[in-house]
Amino acid sequence: ATDVLNGNLSIDPRSSERLDIVLSMNAGTLEGVVLNKS
């Protein structure tokens, strides 16, 4: 029941939980151009 996306996963000898990882295919894309001072 613990959210560990942005924090630590704490393991002790009594730990019996499972890791549930969800990936999303709805990621963003960033396009741009780099220009010099001219």
Full PDB file with SEQRES, HELIX, SHEET, SSBOND, CRYST1, ORIGX, SCALE, CONECT and MASTER records, all heavy atoms in Angstrom:
SEQRES   1 A   38  ALA THR ASP VAL LEU ASN GLY ASN LEU SER ILE ASP PRO          
SEQRES   2 A   38  ARG SER SER GLU ARG LEU ASP ILE VAL LEU SER MET ASN          
SEQRES   3 A   38  ALA GLY THR LEU GLU GLY VAL VAL LEU ASN LYS SER              
CRYST1    1.000    1.000    1.000  90.00  90.00  90.00 P 1           1          
ORIGX1      1.000000  0.000000  0.000000        0.00000                         
ORIGX2      0.000000  1.000000  0.000000        0.00000                         
ORIGX3      0.000000  0.000000  1.000000        0.00000                         
SCALE1      1.000000  0.000000  0.000000        0.00000                         
SCALE2      0.000000  1.000000  0.000000        0.00000                         
SCALE3      0.000000  0.000000  1.000000        0.00000                         
ATOM      1  N   ALA A   1       0.809  -1.218   0.000  1.00  0.00           N  
ATOM      2  CA  ALA A   1       0.000   0.000   0.000  1.00  0.00           C  
ATOM      3  C   ALA A   1       0.839   1.263   0.000  1.00  0.00           C  
ATOM      4  O   ALA A   1       0.290   2.369  -0.003  1.00  0.00           O  
ATOM      5  CB  ALA A   1      -0.917   0.000   1.222  1.00  0.00           C  
ATOM      6  N   THR A   2       2.158   1.148  -0.030  1.00  0.00           N  
ATOM      7  CA  THR A   2       3.047   2.300   0.082  1.00  0.00           C  
ATOM      8  C   THR A   2       3.470   2.797  -1.289  1.00  0.00           C  
ATOM      9  O   THR A   2       3.948   2.024  -2.124  1.00  0.00           O  
ATOM     10  CB  THR A   2       4.299   1.944   0.899  1.00  0.00           C  
ATOM     11  OG1 THR A   2       3.905   1.422   2.175  1.00  0.00           O  
ATOM     12  CG2 THR A   2       5.174   3.171   1.102  1.00  0.00           C  
ATOM     13  N   ASP A   3       3.308   4.101  -1.519  1.00  0.00           N  
ATOM     14  CA  ASP A   3       3.747   4.735  -2.758  1.00  0.00           C  
ATOM     15  C   ASP A   3       5.242   5.008  -2.659  1.00  0.00           C  
ATOM     16  O   ASP A   3       5.688   5.783  -1.803  1.00  0.00           O  
ATOM     17  CB  ASP A   3       2.977   6.037  -2.964  1.00  0.00           C  
ATOM     18  CG  ASP A   3       3.286   6.718  -4.296  1.00  0.00           C  
ATOM     19  OD1 ASP A   3       4.252   6.301  -4.974  1.00  0.00           O  
ATOM     20  OD2 ASP A   3       2.568   7.669  -4.646  1.00  0.00           O  
ATOM     21  N   VAL A   4       6.043   4.380  -3.527  1.00  0.00           N  
ATOM     22  CA  VAL A   4       7.499   4.557  -3.482  1.00  0.00           C  
ATOM     23  C   VAL A   4       8.022   5.156  -4.784  1.00  0.00           C  
ATOM     24  O   VAL A   4       9.214   5.085  -5.066  1.00  0.00           O  
ATOM     25  CB  VAL A   4       8.222   3.224  -3.164  1.00  0.00           C  
ATOM     26  CG1 VAL A   4       7.865   2.736  -1.785  1.00  0.00           C  
ATOM     27  CG2 VAL A   4       7.905   2.153  -4.211  1.00  0.00           C  
ATOM     28  N   LEU A   5       7.150   5.797  -5.566  1.00  0.00           N  
ATOM     29  CA  LEU A   5       7.584   6.384  -6.828  1.00  0.00           C  
ATOM     30  C   LEU A   5       8.635   7.469  -6.601  1.00  0.00           C  
ATOM     31  O   LEU A   5       9.650   7.529  -7.294  1.00  0.00           O  
ATOM     32  CB  LEU A   5       6.387   6.965  -7.576  1.00  0.00           C  
ATOM     33  CG  LEU A   5       6.686   7.669  -8.903  1.00  0.00           C  
ATOM     34  CD1 LEU A   5       7.275   6.698  -9.918  1.00  0.00           C  
ATOM     35  CD2 LEU A   5       5.425   8.329  -9.455  1.00  0.00           C  
ATOM     36  N   ASN A   6       8.396   8.332  -5.612  1.00  0.00           N  
ATOM     37  CA  ASN A   6       9.304   9.448  -5.344  1.00  0.00           C  
ATOM     38  C   ASN A   6      10.048   9.316  -4.023  1.00  0.00           C  
ATOM     39  O   ASN A   6      10.726  10.254  -3.598  1.00  0.00           O  
ATOM     40  CB  ASN A   6       8.522  10.769  -5.343  1.00  0.00           C  
ATOM     41  CG  ASN A   6       7.921  11.084  -6.691  1.00  0.00           C  
ATOM     42  OD1 ASN A   6       8.620  11.111  -7.697  1.00  0.00           O  
ATOM     43  ND2 ASN A   6       6.614  11.297  -6.724  1.00  0.00           N  
ATOM     44  N   GLY A   7       9.913   8.175  -3.368  1.00  0.00           N  
ATOM     45  CA  GLY A   7      10.557   7.982  -2.080  1.00  0.00           C  
ATOM     46  C   GLY A   7      11.306   6.670  -2.013  1.00  0.00           C  
ATOM     47  O   GLY A   7      11.491   5.978  -3.021  1.00  0.00           O  
ATOM     48  N   ASN A   8      11.731   6.319  -0.810  1.00  0.00           N  
ATOM     49  CA  ASN A   8      12.516   5.109  -0.602  1.00  0.00           C  
ATOM     50  C   ASN A   8      11.633   3.891  -0.383  1.00  0.00           C  
ATOM     51  O   ASN A   8      10.536   3.986   0.188  1.00  0.00           O  
ATOM     52  CB  ASN A   8      13.437   5.271   0.606  1.00  0.00           C  
ATOM     53  CG  ASN A   8      14.600   6.199   0.325  1.00  0.00           C  
ATOM     54  OD1 ASN A   8      14.950   6.435  -0.830  1.00  0.00           O  
ATOM     55  ND2 ASN A   8      15.204   6.734   1.372  1.00  0.00           N  
ATOM     56  N   LEU A   9      12.129   2.757  -0.804  1.00  0.00           N  
ATOM     57  CA  LEU A   9      11.537   1.462  -0.498  1.00  0.00           C  
ATOM     58  C   LEU A   9      12.267   0.916   0.723  1.00  0.00           C  
ATOM     59  O   LEU A   9      13.474   0.674   0.678  1.00  0.00           O  
ATOM     60  CB  LEU A   9      11.702   0.513  -1.687  1.00  0.00           C  
ATOM     61  CG  LEU A   9      11.428  -0.961  -1.458  1.00  0.00           C  
ATOM     62  CD1 LEU A   9       9.971  -1.182  -1.103  1.00  0.00           C  
ATOM     63  CD2 LEU A   9      11.809  -1.772  -2.691  1.00  0.00           C  
ATOM     64  N   SER A  10      11.566   0.765   1.838  1.00  0.00           N  
ATOM     65  CA  SER A  10      12.165   0.290   3.085  1.00  0.00           C  
ATOM     66  C   SER A  10      11.902  -1.196   3.249  1.00  0.00           C  
ATOM     67  O   SER A  10      10.738  -1.632   3.266  1.00  0.00           O  
ATOM     68  CB  SER A  10      11.616   1.066   4.287  1.00  0.00           C  
ATOM     69  OG  SER A  10      11.991   2.429   4.217  1.00  0.00           O  
ATOM     70  N   ILE A  11      12.991  -1.971   3.362  1.00  0.00           N  
ATOM     71  CA  ILE A  11      12.902  -3.420   3.513  1.00  0.00           C  
ATOM     72  C   ILE A  11      13.368  -3.797   4.915  1.00  0.00           C  
ATOM     73  O   ILE A  11      14.427  -3.347   5.375  1.00  0.00           O  
ATOM     74  CB  ILE A  11      13.778  -4.140   2.470  1.00  0.00           C  
ATOM     75  CG1 ILE A  11      13.325  -3.796   1.048  1.00  0.00           C  
ATOM     76  CG2 ILE A  11      13.761  -5.649   2.691  1.00  0.00           C  
ATOM     77  CD1 ILE A  11      11.941  -4.293   0.710  1.00  0.00           C  
ATOM     78  N   ASP A  12      12.562  -4.606   5.615  1.00  0.00           N  
ATOM     79  CA  ASP A  12      12.986  -5.172   6.893  1.00  0.00           C  
ATOM     80  C   ASP A  12      12.665  -6.660   6.875  1.00  0.00           C  
ATOM     81  O   ASP A  12      12.033  -7.158   5.935  1.00  0.00           O  
ATOM     82  CB  ASP A  12      12.334  -4.446   8.074  1.00  0.00           C  
ATOM     83  CG  ASP A  12      10.819  -4.602   8.120  1.00  0.00           C  
ATOM     84  OD1 ASP A  12      10.311  -5.718   7.877  1.00  0.00           O  
ATOM     85  OD2 ASP A  12      10.124  -3.614   8.407  1.00  0.00           O  
ATOM     86  N   PRO A  13      13.109  -7.428   7.862  1.00  0.00           N  
ATOM     87  CA  PRO A  13      12.910  -8.881   7.823  1.00  0.00           C  
ATOM     88  C   PRO A  13      11.451  -9.330   7.751  1.00  0.00           C  
ATOM     89  O   PRO A  13      11.171 -10.473   7.388  1.00  0.00           O  
ATOM     90  CB  PRO A  13      13.561  -9.352   9.125  1.00  0.00           C  
ATOM     91  CG  PRO A  13      14.575  -8.304   9.447  1.00  0.00           C  
ATOM     92  CD  PRO A  13      13.963  -7.015   8.998  1.00  0.00           C  
ATOM     93  N   ARG A  14      10.530  -8.439   8.061  1.00  0.00           N  
ATOM     94  CA  ARG A  14       9.103  -8.806   8.031  1.00  0.00           C  
ATOM     95  C   ARG A  14       8.434  -8.462   6.715  1.00  0.00           C  
ATOM     96  O   ARG A  14       7.254  -8.754   6.525  1.00  0.00           O  
ATOM     97  CB  ARG A  14       8.374  -8.087   9.173  1.00  0.00           C  
ATOM     98  CG  ARG A  14       8.880  -8.436  10.566  1.00  0.00           C  
ATOM     99  CD  ARG A  14       8.382  -7.449  11.581  1.00  0.00           C  
ATOM    100  NE  ARG A  14       8.906  -6.102  11.291  1.00  0.00           N  
ATOM    101  CZ  ARG A  14       8.584  -5.011  11.987  1.00  0.00           C  
ATOM    102  NH1 ARG A  14       7.735  -5.104  12.985  1.00  0.00           N  
ATOM    103  NH2 ARG A  14       9.103  -3.844  11.662  1.00  0.00           N  
ATOM    104  N   SER A  15       9.139  -7.841   5.794  1.00  0.00           N  
ATOM    105  CA  SER A  15       8.530  -7.396   4.532  1.00  0.00           C  
ATOM    106  C   SER A  15       8.035  -8.580   3.715  1.00  0.00           C  
ATOM    107  O   SER A  15       8.765  -9.549   3.499  1.00  0.00           O  
ATOM    108  CB  SER A  15       9.548  -6.593   3.710  1.00  0.00           C  
ATOM    109  OG  SER A  15       9.942  -5.425   4.393  1.00  0.00           O  
ATOM    110  N   SER A  16       6.804  -8.491   3.259  1.00  0.00           N  
ATOM    111  CA  SER A  16       6.229  -9.563   2.440  1.00  0.00           C  
ATOM    112  C   SER A  16       5.424  -9.018   1.267  1.00  0.00           C  
ATOM    113  O   SER A  16       4.812  -9.780   0.524  1.00  0.00           O  
ATOM    114  CB  SER A  16       5.321 -10.458   3.299  1.00  0.00           C  
ATOM    115  OG  SER A  16       4.262  -9.699   3.870  1.00  0.00           O  
ATOM    116  N   GLU A  17       5.443  -7.694   1.079  1.00  0.00           N  
ATOM    117  CA  GLU A  17       4.652  -7.078   0.022  1.00  0.00           C  
ATOM    118  C   GLU A  17       5.298  -7.296  -1.344  1.00  0.00           C  
ATOM    119  O   GLU A  17       6.443  -7.704  -1.451  1.00  0.00           O  
ATOM    120  CB  GLU A  17       4.490  -5.571   0.285  1.00  0.00           C  
ATOM    121  CG  GLU A  17       3.622  -5.228   1.470  1.00  0.00           C  
ATOM    122  CD  GLU A  17       4.403  -5.230   2.770  1.00  0.00           C  
ATOM    123  OE1 GLU A  17       5.604  -5.597   2.735  1.00  0.00           O  
ATOM    124  OE2 GLU A  17       3.826  -4.873   3.806  1.00  0.00           O  
ATOM    125  N   ARG A  18       4.546  -6.974  -2.383  1.00  0.00           N  
ATOM    126  CA  ARG A  18       5.016  -7.067  -3.764  1.00  0.00           C  
ATOM    127  C   ARG A  18       5.189  -5.669  -4.331  1.00  0.00           C  
ATOM    128  O   ARG A  18       4.522  -4.719  -3.927  1.00  0.00           O  
ATOM    129  CB  ARG A  18       4.007  -7.835  -4.625  1.00  0.00           C  
ATOM    130  CG  ARG A  18       3.893  -9.303  -4.297  1.00  0.00           C  
ATOM    131  CD  ARG A  18       2.708  -9.921  -5.019  1.00  0.00           C  
ATOM    132  NE  ARG A  18       2.715  -9.635  -6.447  1.00  0.00           N  
ATOM    133  CZ  ARG A  18       3.296 -10.418  -7.362  1.00  0.00           C  
ATOM    134  NH1 ARG A  18       3.897 -11.534  -6.992  1.00  0.00           N  
ATOM    135  NH2 ARG A  18       3.252 -10.112  -8.642  1.00  0.00           N  
ATOM    136  N   LEU A  19       6.080  -5.575  -5.306  1.00  0.00           N  
ATOM    137  CA  LEU A  19       6.268  -4.329  -6.047  1.00  0.00           C  
ATOM    138  C   LEU A  19       5.332  -4.319  -7.256  1.00  0.00           C  
ATOM    139  O   LEU A  19       5.371  -5.239  -8.074  1.00  0.00           O  
ATOM    140  CB  LEU A  19       7.711  -4.202  -6.527  1.00  0.00           C  
ATOM    141  CG  LEU A  19       8.716  -3.455  -5.656  1.00  0.00           C  
ATOM    142  CD1 LEU A  19      10.107  -3.562  -6.271  1.00  0.00           C  
ATOM    143  CD2 LEU A  19       8.314  -2.003  -5.475  1.00  0.00           C  
ATOM    144  N   ASP A  20       4.514  -3.305  -7.358  1.00  0.00           N  
ATOM    145  CA  ASP A  20       3.627  -3.137  -8.506  1.00  0.00           C  
ATOM    146  C   ASP A  20       4.032  -1.877  -9.247  1.00  0.00           C  
ATOM    147  O   ASP A  20       3.907  -0.760  -8.714  1.00  0.00           O  
ATOM    148  CB  ASP A  20       2.168  -3.048  -8.068  1.00  0.00           C  
ATOM    149  CG  ASP A  20       1.652  -4.377  -7.532  1.00  0.00           C  
ATOM    150  OD1 ASP A  20       1.793  -5.389  -8.244  1.00  0.00           O  
ATOM    151  OD2 ASP A  20       1.142  -4.407  -6.399  1.00  0.00           O  
ATOM    152  N   ILE A  21       4.529  -2.060 -10.462  1.00  0.00           N  
ATOM    153  CA  ILE A  21       5.029  -0.950 -11.277  1.00  0.00           C  
ATOM    154  C   ILE A  21       4.102  -0.759 -12.471  1.00  0.00           C  
ATOM    155  O   ILE A  21       3.789  -1.729 -13.176  1.00  0.00           O  
ATOM    156  CB  ILE A  21       6.459  -1.233 -11.754  1.00  0.00           C  
ATOM    157  CG1 ILE A  21       7.400  -1.406 -10.556  1.00  0.00           C  
ATOM    158  CG2 ILE A  21       6.959  -0.123 -12.671  1.00  0.00           C  
ATOM    159  CD1 ILE A  21       8.786  -1.892 -10.933  1.00  0.00           C  
ATOM    160  N   VAL A  22       3.665   0.471 -12.687  1.00  0.00           N  
ATOM    161  CA  VAL A  22       2.789   0.780 -13.815  1.00  0.00           C  
ATOM    162  C   VAL A  22       3.514   1.745 -14.747  1.00  0.00           C  
ATOM    163  O   VAL A  22       3.981   2.808 -14.317  1.00  0.00           O  
ATOM    164  CB  VAL A  22       1.458   1.405 -13.347  1.00  0.00           C  
ATOM    165  CG1 VAL A  22       0.592   1.766 -14.564  1.00  0.00           C  
ATOM    166  CG2 VAL A  22       0.713   0.447 -12.434  1.00  0.00           C  
ATOM    167  N   LEU A  23       3.639   1.342 -16.008  1.00  0.00           N  
ATOM    168  CA  LEU A  23       4.170   2.208 -17.054  1.00  0.00           C  
ATOM    169  C   LEU A  23       3.013   2.720 -17.901  1.00  0.00           C  
ATOM    170  O   LEU A  23       2.061   1.989 -18.167  1.00  0.00           O  
ATOM    171  CB  LEU A  23       5.158   1.455 -17.949  1.00  0.00           C  
ATOM    172  CG  LEU A  23       6.323   0.730 -17.280  1.00  0.00           C  
ATOM    173  CD1 LEU A  23       7.201   0.068 -18.334  1.00  0.00           C  
ATOM    174  CD2 LEU A  23       7.145   1.675 -16.424  1.00  0.00           C  
ATOM    175  N   SER A  24       3.102   3.958 -18.310  1.00  0.00           N  
ATOM    176  CA  SER A  24       2.107   4.531 -19.212  1.00  0.00           C  
ATOM    177  C   SER A  24       2.748   4.810 -20.565  1.00  0.00           C  
ATOM    178  O   SER A  24       3.885   5.294 -20.636  1.00  0.00           O  
ATOM    179  CB  SER A  24       1.535   5.832 -18.641  1.00  0.00           C  
ATOM    180  OG  SER A  24       0.710   6.479 -19.601  1.00  0.00           O  
ATOM    181  N   MET A  25       2.015   4.500 -21.636  1.00  0.00           N  
ATOM    182  CA  MET A  25       2.507   4.770 -22.986  1.00  0.00           C  
ATOM    183  C   MET A  25       2.115   6.165 -23.469  1.00  0.00           C  
ATOM    184  O   MET A  25       2.320   6.511 -24.622  1.00  0.00           O  
ATOM    185  CB  MET A  25       1.963   3.716 -23.961  1.00  0.00           C  
ATOM    186  CG  MET A  25       2.408   2.300 -23.665  1.00  0.00           C  
ATOM    187  SD  MET A  25       4.192   2.085 -23.684  1.00  0.00           S  
ATOM    188  CE  MET A  25       4.570   2.491 -25.395  1.00  0.00           C  
ATOM    189  N   ASN A  26       1.569   6.974 -22.554  1.00  0.00           N  
ATOM    190  CA  ASN A  26       1.086   8.306 -22.928  1.00  0.00           C  
ATOM    191  C   ASN A  26       2.120   9.380 -22.564  1.00  0.00           C  
ATOM    192  O   ASN A  26       1.772  10.453 -22.077  1.00  0.00           O  
ATOM    193  CB  ASN A  26      -0.240   8.591 -22.225  1.00  0.00           C  
ATOM    194  CG  ASN A  26      -0.964   9.784 -22.825  1.00  0.00           C  
ATOM    195  OD1 ASN A  26      -0.798  10.087 -23.995  1.00  0.00           O  
ATOM    196  ND2 ASN A  26      -1.753  10.463 -22.013  1.00  0.00           N  
ATOM    197  N   ALA A  27       3.390   9.074 -22.782  1.00  0.00           N  
ATOM    198  CA  ALA A  27       4.442  10.038 -22.469  1.00  0.00           C  
ATOM    199  C   ALA A  27       4.433  11.209 -23.439  1.00  0.00           C  
ATOM    200  O   ALA A  27       3.956  11.104 -24.564  1.00  0.00           O  
ATOM    201  CB  ALA A  27       5.810   9.350 -22.495  1.00  0.00           C  
ATOM    202  N   GLY A  28       5.000  12.320 -22.984  1.00  0.00           N  
ATOM    203  CA  GLY A  28       5.070  13.506 -23.817  1.00  0.00           C  
ATOM    204  C   GLY A  28       6.325  13.546 -24.667  1.00  0.00           C  
ATOM    205  O   GLY A  28       7.301  12.834 -24.417  1.00  0.00           O  
ATOM    206  N   THR A  29       6.297  14.387 -25.698  1.00  0.00           N  
ATOM    207  CA  THR A  29       7.444  14.627 -26.572  1.00  0.00           C  
ATOM    208  C   THR A  29       7.693  16.127 -26.641  1.00  0.00           C  
ATOM    209  O   THR A  29       6.746  16.916 -26.738  1.00  0.00           O  
ATOM    210  CB  THR A  29       7.182  14.081 -27.989  1.00  0.00           C  
ATOM    211  OG1 THR A  29       7.003  12.665 -27.916  1.00  0.00           O  
ATOM    212  CG2 THR A  29       8.349  14.383 -28.916  1.00  0.00           C  
ATOM    213  N   LEU A  30       8.960  16.521 -26.547  1.00  0.00           N  
ATOM    214  CA  LEU A  30       9.337  17.924 -26.617  1.00  0.00           C  
ATOM    215  C   LEU A  30      10.255  18.137 -27.817  1.00  0.00           C  
ATOM    216  O   LEU A  30      11.280  17.465 -27.940  1.00  0.00           O  
ATOM    217  CB  LEU A  30      10.053  18.355 -25.334  1.00  0.00           C  
ATOM    218  CG  LEU A  30      10.601  19.780 -25.295  1.00  0.00           C  
ATOM    219  CD1 LEU A  30       9.462  20.793 -25.339  1.00  0.00           C  
ATOM    220  CD2 LEU A  30      11.450  19.993 -24.049  1.00  0.00           C  
ATOM    221  N   GLU A  31       9.861  19.052 -28.705  1.00  0.00           N  
ATOM    222  CA  GLU A  31      10.676  19.389 -29.862  1.00  0.00           C  
ATOM    223  C   GLU A  31      11.082  20.850 -29.774  1.00  0.00           C  
ATOM    224  O   GLU A  31      10.329  21.691 -29.268  1.00  0.00           O  
ATOM    225  CB  GLU A  31       9.915  19.135 -31.163  1.00  0.00           C  
ATOM    226  CG  GLU A  31       9.544  17.675 -31.379  1.00  0.00           C  
ATOM    227  CD  GLU A  31       8.778  17.448 -32.660  1.00  0.00           C  
ATOM    228  OE1 GLU A  31       8.308  18.456 -33.246  1.00  0.00           O  
ATOM    229  OE2 GLU A  31       8.628  16.295 -33.081  1.00  0.00           O  
ATOM    230  N   GLY A  32      12.277  21.164 -30.258  1.00  0.00           N  
ATOM    231  CA  GLY A  32      12.725  22.548 -30.195  1.00  0.00           C  
ATOM    232  C   GLY A  32      13.918  22.793 -31.086  1.00  0.00           C  
ATOM    233  O   GLY A  32      14.367  21.909 -31.826  1.00  0.00           O  
ATOM    234  N   VAL A  33      14.443  23.996 -31.013  1.00  0.00           N  
ATOM    235  CA  VAL A  33      15.603  24.390 -31.795  1.00  0.00           C  
ATOM    236  C   VAL A  33      16.537  25.185 -30.900  1.00  0.00           C  
ATOM    237  O   VAL A  33      16.090  25.950 -30.036  1.00  0.00           O  
ATOM    238  CB  VAL A  33      15.185  25.209 -33.041  1.00  0.00           C  
ATOM    239  CG1 VAL A  33      14.459  26.493 -32.630  1.00  0.00           C  
ATOM    240  CG2 VAL A  33      16.397  25.538 -33.908  1.00  0.00           C  
ATOM    241  N   VAL A  34      17.834  24.991 -31.064  1.00  0.00           N  
ATOM    242  CA  VAL A  34      18.853  25.726 -30.317  1.00  0.00           C  
ATOM    243  C   VAL A  34      19.469  26.767 -31.256  1.00  0.00           C  
ATOM    244  O   VAL A  34      19.963  26.419 -32.337  1.00  0.00           O  
ATOM    245  CB  VAL A  34      19.934  24.775 -29.769  1.00  0.00           C  
ATOM    246  CG1 VAL A  34      21.037  25.566 -29.060  1.00  0.00           C  
ATOM    247  CG2 VAL A  34      19.318  23.763 -28.812  1.00  0.00           C  
ATOM    248  N   LEU A  35      19.455  28.038 -30.803  1.00  0.00           N  
ATOM    249  CA  LEU A  35      19.998  29.136 -31.581  1.00  0.00           C  
ATOM    250  C   LEU A  35      21.116  29.815 -30.795  1.00  0.00           C  
ATOM    251  O   LEU A  35      21.071  29.861 -29.562  1.00  0.00           O  
ATOM    252  CB  LEU A  35      18.918  30.171 -31.901  1.00  0.00           C  
ATOM    253  CG  LEU A  35      17.644  29.661 -32.580  1.00  0.00           C  
ATOM    254  CD1 LEU A  35      16.636  30.799 -32.714  1.00  0.00           C  
ATOM    255  CD2 LEU A  35      17.964  29.062 -33.947  1.00  0.00           C  
ATOM    256  N   ASN A  36      22.094  30.360 -31.488  1.00  0.00           N  
ATOM    257  CA  ASN A  36      23.131  31.134 -30.818  1.00  0.00           C  
ATOM    258  C   ASN A  36      22.668  32.583 -30.670  1.00  0.00           C  
ATOM    259  O   ASN A  36      21.537  32.937 -31.035  1.00  0.00           O  
ATOM    260  CB  ASN A  36      24.466  31.030 -31.559  1.00  0.00           C  
ATOM    261  CG  ASN A  36      24.403  31.572 -32.977  1.00  0.00           C  
ATOM    262  OD1 ASN A  36      23.503  32.348 -33.319  1.00  0.00           O  
ATOM    263  ND2 ASN A  36      25.351  31.161 -33.817  1.00  0.00           N  
ATOM    264  N   LYS A  37      23.537  33.441 -30.144  1.00  0.00           N  
ATOM    265  CA  LYS A  37      23.135  34.827 -29.876  1.00  0.00           C  
ATOM    266  C   LYS A  37      22.828  35.602 -31.155  1.00  0.00           C  
ATOM    267  O   LYS A  37      22.178  36.654 -31.090  1.00  0.00           O  
ATOM    268  CB  LYS A  37      24.221  35.530 -29.074  1.00  0.00           C  
ATOM    269  CG  LYS A  37      25.556  35.639 -29.783  1.00  0.00           C  
ATOM    270  CD  LYS A  37      26.589  36.304 -28.871  1.00  0.00           C  
ATOM    271  CE  LYS A  37      27.949  36.424 -29.563  1.00  0.00           C  
ATOM    272  NZ  LYS A  37      28.960  37.055 -28.667  1.00  0.00           N  
ATOM    273  N   SER A  38      23.269  35.062 -32.290  1.00  0.00           N  
ATOM    274  CA  SER A  38      22.953  35.691 -33.582  1.00  0.00           C  
ATOM    275  C   SER A  38      21.698  35.097 -34.202  1.00  0.00           C  
ATOM    276  O   SER A  38      21.404  35.368 -35.377  1.00  0.00           O  
ATOM    277  CB  SER A  38      24.140  35.541 -34.543  1.00  0.00           C  
ATOM    278  OG  SER A  38      25.300  36.155 -34.023  1.00  0.00           O  
TER     279      SER A  38                                                      
MASTER        0    0    0    0    0    0    0    6  278    1    0    3          
END                                                                             
